[in-house]
Amino acid sequence: LRWTLVLQTYTEAEAKALCKKLKF
């Protein structure tokens, strides 16, 4: 929930890339 708010302006592709970078 908190990460979704932090990433609210991200597209799905952008969010997926960041999650991969930070190894979610």
PDB file of all heavy atoms in Angstrom:
ATOM      1  N   LEU A   1       0.829  -1.206   0.000  1.00  0.00           N
ATOM      2  CA  LEU A   1       0.000   0.000   0.000  1.00  0.00           C
ATOM      3  C   LEU A   1       0.864   1.257   0.000  1.00  0.00           C
ATOM      4  O   LEU A   1       0.630   2.191  -0.778  1.00  0.00           O
ATOM      5  CB  LEU A   1      -0.926   0.007   1.217  1.00  0.00           C
ATOM      6  CG  LEU A   1      -1.901  -1.154   1.348  1.00  0.00           C
ATOM      7  CD1 LEU A   1      -2.879  -0.909   2.493  1.00  0.00           C
ATOM      8  CD2 LEU A   1      -2.671  -1.371   0.061  1.00  0.00           C
ATOM      9  N   ARG A   2       1.858   1.291   0.875  1.00  0.00           N
ATOM     10  CA  ARG A   2       2.698   2.483   0.962  1.00  0.00           C
ATOM     11  C   ARG A   2       3.526   2.656  -0.317  1.00  0.00           C
ATOM     12  O   ARG A   2       3.684   3.769  -0.825  1.00  0.00           O
ATOM     13  CB  ARG A   2       3.598   2.406   2.197  1.00  0.00           C
ATOM     14  CG  ARG A   2       2.819   2.404   3.539  1.00  0.00           C
ATOM     15  CD  ARG A   2       2.225   3.762   3.840  1.00  0.00           C
ATOM     16  NE  ARG A   2       1.419   3.810   5.038  1.00  0.00           N
ATOM     17  CZ  ARG A   2       1.865   4.178   6.251  1.00  0.00           C
ATOM     18  NH1 ARG A   2       3.141   4.494   6.428  1.00  0.00           N
ATOM     19  NH2 ARG A   2       1.032   4.240   7.275  1.00  0.00           N
ATOM     20  N   TRP A   3       4.068   1.562  -0.855  1.00  0.00           N
ATOM     21  CA  TRP A   3       4.838   1.678  -2.086  1.00  0.00           C
ATOM     22  C   TRP A   3       3.958   2.113  -3.260  1.00  0.00           C
ATOM     23  O   TRP A   3       4.404   2.865  -4.133  1.00  0.00           O
ATOM     24  CB  TRP A   3       5.520   0.351  -2.423  1.00  0.00           C
ATOM     25  CG  TRP A   3       6.843   0.152  -1.752  1.00  0.00           C
ATOM     26  CD1 TRP A   3       7.107  -0.646  -0.670  1.00  0.00           C
ATOM     27  CD2 TRP A   3       8.095   0.745  -2.100  1.00  0.00           C
ATOM     28  NE1 TRP A   3       8.437  -0.574  -0.332  1.00  0.00           N
ATOM     29  CE2 TRP A   3       9.075   0.261  -1.185  1.00  0.00           C
ATOM     30  CE3 TRP A   3       8.494   1.633  -3.106  1.00  0.00           C
ATOM     31  CZ2 TRP A   3      10.409   0.642  -1.258  1.00  0.00           C
ATOM     32  CZ3 TRP A   3       9.833   2.016  -3.169  1.00  0.00           C
ATOM     33  CH2 TRP A   3      10.767   1.523  -2.255  1.00  0.00           C
ATOM     34  N   THR A   4       2.717   1.650  -3.294  1.00  0.00           N
ATOM     35  CA  THR A   4       1.817   2.070  -4.375  1.00  0.00           C
ATOM     36  C   THR A   4       1.609   3.576  -4.348  1.00  0.00           C
ATOM     37  O   THR A   4       1.597   4.235  -5.399  1.00  0.00           O
ATOM     38  CB  THR A   4       0.468   1.345  -4.270  1.00  0.00           C
ATOM     39  OG1 THR A   4       0.678  -0.072  -4.384  1.00  0.00           O
ATOM     40  CG2 THR A   4      -0.480   1.779  -5.376  1.00  0.00           C
ATOM     41  N   LEU A   5       1.463   4.150  -3.170  1.00  0.00           N
ATOM     42  CA  LEU A   5       1.334   5.605  -3.072  1.00  0.00           C
ATOM     43  C   LEU A   5       2.616   6.304  -3.515  1.00  0.00           C
ATOM     44  O   LEU A   5       2.572   7.310  -4.229  1.00  0.00           O
ATOM     45  CB  LEU A   5       0.984   6.012  -1.636  1.00  0.00           C
ATOM     46  CG  LEU A   5      -0.438   5.707  -1.177  1.00  0.00           C
ATOM     47  CD1 LEU A   5      -0.628   6.104   0.281  1.00  0.00           C
ATOM     48  CD2 LEU A   5      -1.462   6.440  -2.052  1.00  0.00           C
ATOM     49  N   VAL A   6       3.753   5.765  -3.098  1.00  0.00           N
ATOM     50  CA  VAL A   6       5.031   6.360  -3.498  1.00  0.00           C
ATOM     51  C   VAL A   6       5.183   6.333  -5.020  1.00  0.00           C
ATOM     52  O   VAL A   6       5.707   7.269  -5.631  1.00  0.00           O
ATOM     53  CB  VAL A   6       6.200   5.627  -2.813  1.00  0.00           C
ATOM     54  CG1 VAL A   6       7.540   6.055  -3.404  1.00  0.00           C
ATOM     55  CG2 VAL A   6       6.183   5.887  -1.312  1.00  0.00           C
ATOM     56  N   LEU A   7       4.685   5.265  -5.642  1.00  0.00           N
ATOM     57  CA  LEU A   7       4.843   5.073  -7.090  1.00  0.00           C
ATOM     58  C   LEU A   7       3.597   5.465  -7.878  1.00  0.00           C
ATOM     59  O   LEU A   7       3.446   5.070  -9.037  1.00  0.00           O
ATOM     60  CB  LEU A   7       5.193   3.609  -7.373  1.00  0.00           C
ATOM     61  CG  LEU A   7       6.443   3.055  -6.682  1.00  0.00           C
ATOM     62  CD1 LEU A   7       6.638   1.584  -7.037  1.00  0.00           C
ATOM     63  CD2 LEU A   7       7.672   3.857  -7.041  1.00  0.00           C
ATOM     64  N   GLN A   8       2.729   6.254  -7.293  1.00  0.00           N
ATOM     65  CA  GLN A   8       1.434   6.543  -7.912  1.00  0.00           C
ATOM     66  C   GLN A   8       1.534   7.213  -9.275  1.00  0.00           C
ATOM     67  O   GLN A   8       0.625   7.095 -10.104  1.00  0.00           O
ATOM     68  CB  GLN A   8       0.574   7.412  -6.980  1.00  0.00           C
ATOM     69  CG  GLN A   8       1.172   8.773  -6.680  1.00  0.00           C
ATOM     70  CD  GLN A   8       0.359   9.553  -5.659  1.00  0.00           C
ATOM     71  OE1 GLN A   8      -0.518  10.312  -6.024  1.00  0.00           O
ATOM     72  NE2 GLN A   8       0.649   9.338  -4.375  1.00  0.00           N
ATOM     73  N   THR A   9       2.622   7.937  -9.548  1.00  0.00           N
ATOM     74  CA  THR A   9       2.763   8.601 -10.850  1.00  0.00           C
ATOM     75  C   THR A   9       3.521   7.734 -11.856  1.00  0.00           C
ATOM     76  O   THR A   9       3.755   8.164 -12.985  1.00  0.00           O
ATOM     77  CB  THR A   9       3.499   9.944 -10.697  1.00  0.00           C
ATOM     78  OG1 THR A   9       4.824   9.710 -10.193  1.00  0.00           O
ATOM     79  CG2 THR A   9       2.753  10.868  -9.748  1.00  0.00           C
ATOM     80  N   TYR A  10       3.892   6.539 -11.458  1.00  0.00           N
ATOM     81  CA  TYR A  10       4.621   5.629 -12.343  1.00  0.00           C
ATOM     82  C   TYR A  10       3.661   4.866 -13.246  1.00  0.00           C
ATOM     83  O   TYR A  10       2.558   4.490 -12.830  1.00  0.00           O
ATOM     84  CB  TYR A  10       5.409   4.606 -11.525  1.00  0.00           C
ATOM     85  CG  TYR A  10       6.753   5.066 -11.016  1.00  0.00           C
ATOM     86  CD1 TYR A  10       6.873   6.194 -10.217  1.00  0.00           C
ATOM     87  CD2 TYR A  10       7.909   4.357 -11.327  1.00  0.00           C
ATOM     88  CE1 TYR A  10       8.105   6.605  -9.742  1.00  0.00           C
ATOM     89  CE2 TYR A  10       9.151   4.759 -10.860  1.00  0.00           C
ATOM     90  CZ  TYR A  10       9.247   5.886 -10.067  1.00  0.00           C
ATOM     91  OH  TYR A  10      10.474   6.287  -9.601  1.00  0.00           O
ATOM     92  N   THR A  11       4.083   4.610 -14.473  1.00  0.00           N
ATOM     93  CA  THR A  11       3.377   3.633 -15.297  1.00  0.00           C
ATOM     94  C   THR A  11       3.699   2.240 -14.759  1.00  0.00           C
ATOM     95  O   THR A  11       4.636   2.060 -13.971  1.00  0.00           O
ATOM     96  CB  THR A  11       3.824   3.716 -16.764  1.00  0.00           C
ATOM     97  OG1 THR A  11       5.210   3.333 -16.846  1.00  0.00           O
ATOM     98  CG2 THR A  11       3.647   5.135 -17.311  1.00  0.00           C
ATOM     99  N   GLU A  12       2.934   1.268 -15.201  1.00  0.00           N
ATOM    100  CA  GLU A  12       3.220  -0.099 -14.764  1.00  0.00           C
ATOM    101  C   GLU A  12       4.633  -0.521 -15.153  1.00  0.00           C
ATOM    102  O   GLU A  12       5.349  -1.153 -14.364  1.00  0.00           O
ATOM    103  CB  GLU A  12       2.209  -1.072 -15.378  1.00  0.00           C
ATOM    104  CG  GLU A  12       0.917  -1.181 -14.612  1.00  0.00           C
ATOM    105  CD  GLU A  12       0.078  -2.343 -15.107  1.00  0.00           C
ATOM    106  OE1 GLU A  12       0.485  -3.503 -14.904  1.00  0.00           O
ATOM    107  OE2 GLU A  12      -0.978  -2.083 -15.703  1.00  0.00           O
ATOM    108  N   ALA A  13       5.040  -0.146 -16.368  1.00  0.00           N
ATOM    109  CA  ALA A  13       6.377  -0.529 -16.835  1.00  0.00           C
ATOM    110  C   ALA A  13       7.458   0.130 -15.981  1.00  0.00           C
ATOM    111  O   ALA A  13       8.461  -0.507 -15.627  1.00  0.00           O
ATOM    112  CB  ALA A  13       6.544  -0.135 -18.301  1.00  0.00           C
ATOM    113  N   GLU A  14       7.263   1.407 -15.647  1.00  0.00           N
ATOM    114  CA  GLU A  14       8.238   2.107 -14.811  1.00  0.00           C
ATOM    115  C   GLU A  14       8.315   1.487 -13.421  1.00  0.00           C
ATOM    116  O   GLU A  14       9.400   1.304 -12.863  1.00  0.00           O
ATOM    117  CB  GLU A  14       7.867   3.588 -14.700  1.00  0.00           C
ATOM    118  CG  GLU A  14       8.055   4.378 -15.986  1.00  0.00           C
ATOM    119  CD  GLU A  14       7.490   5.787 -15.879  1.00  0.00           C
ATOM    120  OE1 GLU A  14       6.527   5.994 -15.107  1.00  0.00           O
ATOM    121  OE2 GLU A  14       7.996   6.678 -16.582  1.00  0.00           O
ATOM    122  N   ALA A  15       7.144   1.192 -12.863  1.00  0.00           N
ATOM    123  CA  ALA A  15       7.108   0.605 -11.524  1.00  0.00           C
ATOM    124  C   ALA A  15       7.756  -0.774 -11.524  1.00  0.00           C
ATOM    125  O   ALA A  15       8.508  -1.127 -10.606  1.00  0.00           O
ATOM    126  CB  ALA A  15       5.667   0.520 -11.024  1.00  0.00           C
ATOM    127  N   LYS A  16       7.479  -1.557 -12.551  1.00  0.00           N
ATOM    128  CA  LYS A  16       8.067  -2.893 -12.645  1.00  0.00           C
ATOM    129  C   LYS A  16       9.584  -2.812 -12.722  1.00  0.00           C
ATOM    130  O   LYS A  16      10.303  -3.601 -12.093  1.00  0.00           O
ATOM    131  CB  LYS A  16       7.505  -3.627 -13.870  1.00  0.00           C
ATOM    132  CG  LYS A  16       7.943  -5.075 -13.976  1.00  0.00           C
ATOM    133  CD  LYS A  16       7.248  -5.761 -15.152  1.00  0.00           C
ATOM    134  CE  LYS A  16       7.644  -7.222 -15.232  1.00  0.00           C
ATOM    135  NZ  LYS A  16       6.950  -7.907 -16.366  1.00  0.00           N
ATOM    136  N   ALA A  17      10.086  -1.826 -13.471  1.00  0.00           N
ATOM    137  CA  ALA A  17      11.538  -1.655 -13.609  1.00  0.00           C
ATOM    138  C   ALA A  17      12.173  -1.277 -12.275  1.00  0.00           C
ATOM    139  O   ALA A  17      13.254  -1.783 -11.925  1.00  0.00           O
ATOM    140  CB  ALA A  17      11.836  -0.598 -14.665  1.00  0.00           C
ATOM    141  N   LEU A  18      11.520  -0.390 -11.517  1.00  0.00           N
ATOM    142  CA  LEU A  18      12.076   0.003 -10.225  1.00  0.00           C
ATOM    143  C   LEU A  18      12.045  -1.171  -9.247  1.00  0.00           C
ATOM    144  O   LEU A  18      13.008  -1.387  -8.496  1.00  0.00           O
ATOM    145  CB  LEU A  18      11.300   1.188  -9.642  1.00  0.00           C
ATOM    146  CG  LEU A  18      11.840   1.683  -8.298  1.00  0.00           C
ATOM    147  CD1 LEU A  18      13.233   2.292  -8.460  1.00  0.00           C
ATOM    148  CD2 LEU A  18      10.902   2.695  -7.655  1.00  0.00           C
ATOM    149  N   CYS A  19      10.936  -1.909  -9.245  1.00  0.00           N
ATOM    150  CA  CYS A  19      10.840  -3.079  -8.367  1.00  0.00           C
ATOM    151  C   CYS A  19      11.947  -4.087  -8.685  1.00  0.00           C
ATOM    152  O   CYS A  19      12.532  -4.694  -7.780  1.00  0.00           O
ATOM    153  CB  CYS A  19       9.470  -3.739  -8.509  1.00  0.00           C
ATOM    154  SG  CYS A  19       8.098  -2.776  -7.826  1.00  0.00           S
ATOM    155  N   LYS A  20      12.247  -4.250  -9.958  1.00  0.00           N
ATOM    156  CA  LYS A  20      13.317  -5.161 -10.363  1.00  0.00           C
ATOM    157  C   LYS A  20      14.671  -4.622  -9.914  1.00  0.00           C
ATOM    158  O   LYS A  20      15.517  -5.361  -9.413  1.00  0.00           O
ATOM    159  CB  LYS A  20      13.288  -5.358 -11.881  1.00  0.00           C
ATOM    160  CG  LYS A  20      14.338  -6.336 -12.380  1.00  0.00           C
ATOM    161  CD  LYS A  20      14.219  -6.549 -13.891  1.00  0.00           C
ATOM    162  CE  LYS A  20      15.258  -7.548 -14.381  1.00  0.00           C
ATOM    163  NZ  LYS A  20      15.158  -7.766 -15.857  1.00  0.00           N
ATOM    164  N   LYS A  21      14.861  -3.308 -10.070  1.00  0.00           N
ATOM    165  CA  LYS A  21      16.138  -2.689  -9.684  1.00  0.00           C
ATOM    166  C   LYS A  21      16.407  -2.862  -8.190  1.00  0.00           C
ATOM    167  O   LYS A  21      17.525  -3.185  -7.780  1.00  0.00           O
ATOM    168  CB  LYS A  21      16.122  -1.204 -10.049  1.00  0.00           C
ATOM    169  CG  LYS A  21      17.345  -0.437  -9.573  1.00  0.00           C
ATOM    170  CD  LYS A  21      17.254   1.044  -9.923  1.00  0.00           C
ATOM    171  CE  LYS A  21      18.446   1.818  -9.376  1.00  0.00           C
ATOM    172  NZ  LYS A  21      18.388   3.262  -9.733  1.00  0.00           N
ATOM    173  N   LEU A  22      15.365  -2.659  -7.374  1.00  0.00           N
ATOM    174  CA  LEU A  22      15.523  -2.746  -5.924  1.00  0.00           C
ATOM    175  C   LEU A  22      15.298  -4.170  -5.398  1.00  0.00           C
ATOM    176  O   LEU A  22      15.308  -4.388  -4.191  1.00  0.00           O
ATOM    177  CB  LEU A  22      14.572  -1.773  -5.232  1.00  0.00           C
ATOM    178  CG  LEU A  22      14.837  -0.283  -5.486  1.00  0.00           C
ATOM    179  CD1 LEU A  22      13.855   0.581  -4.700  1.00  0.00           C
ATOM    180  CD2 LEU A  22      16.270   0.092  -5.139  1.00  0.00           C
ATOM    181  N   LYS A  23      15.059  -5.103  -6.324  1.00  0.00           N
ATOM    182  CA  LYS A  23      14.921  -6.524  -5.992  1.00  0.00           C
ATOM    183  C   LYS A  23      13.788  -6.796  -5.003  1.00  0.00           C
ATOM    184  O   LYS A  23      13.958  -7.491  -4.000  1.00  0.00           O
ATOM    185  CB  LYS A  23      16.254  -7.086  -5.470  1.00  0.00           C
ATOM    186  CG  LYS A  23      17.360  -7.022  -6.520  1.00  0.00           C
ATOM    187  CD  LYS A  23      18.608  -7.778  -6.113  1.00  0.00           C
ATOM    188  CE  LYS A  23      19.662  -7.730  -7.215  1.00  0.00           C
ATOM    189  NZ  LYS A  23      20.899  -8.436  -6.859  1.00  0.00           N
ATOM    190  N   PHE A  24      12.611  -6.230  -5.320  1.00  0.00           N
ATOM    191  CA  PHE A  24      11.403  -6.578  -4.576  1.00  0.00           C
ATOM    192  C   PHE A  24      11.134  -8.070  -4.765  1.00  0.00           C
ATOM    193  O   PHE A  24      11.488  -8.652  -5.797  1.00  0.00           O
ATOM    194  CB  PHE A  24      10.190  -5.831  -5.143  1.00  0.00           C
ATOM    195  CG  PHE A  24      10.088  -4.379  -4.784  1.00  0.00           C
ATOM    196  CD1 PHE A  24      11.166  -3.519  -4.914  1.00  0.00           C
ATOM    197  CD2 PHE A  24       8.889  -3.862  -4.331  1.00  0.00           C
ATOM    198  CE1 PHE A  24      11.061  -2.181  -4.608  1.00  0.00           C
ATOM    199  CE2 PHE A  24       8.766  -2.526  -4.018  1.00  0.00           C
ATOM    200  CZ  PHE A  24       9.855  -1.675  -4.150  1.00  0.00           C
TER     201      PHE A  24
END
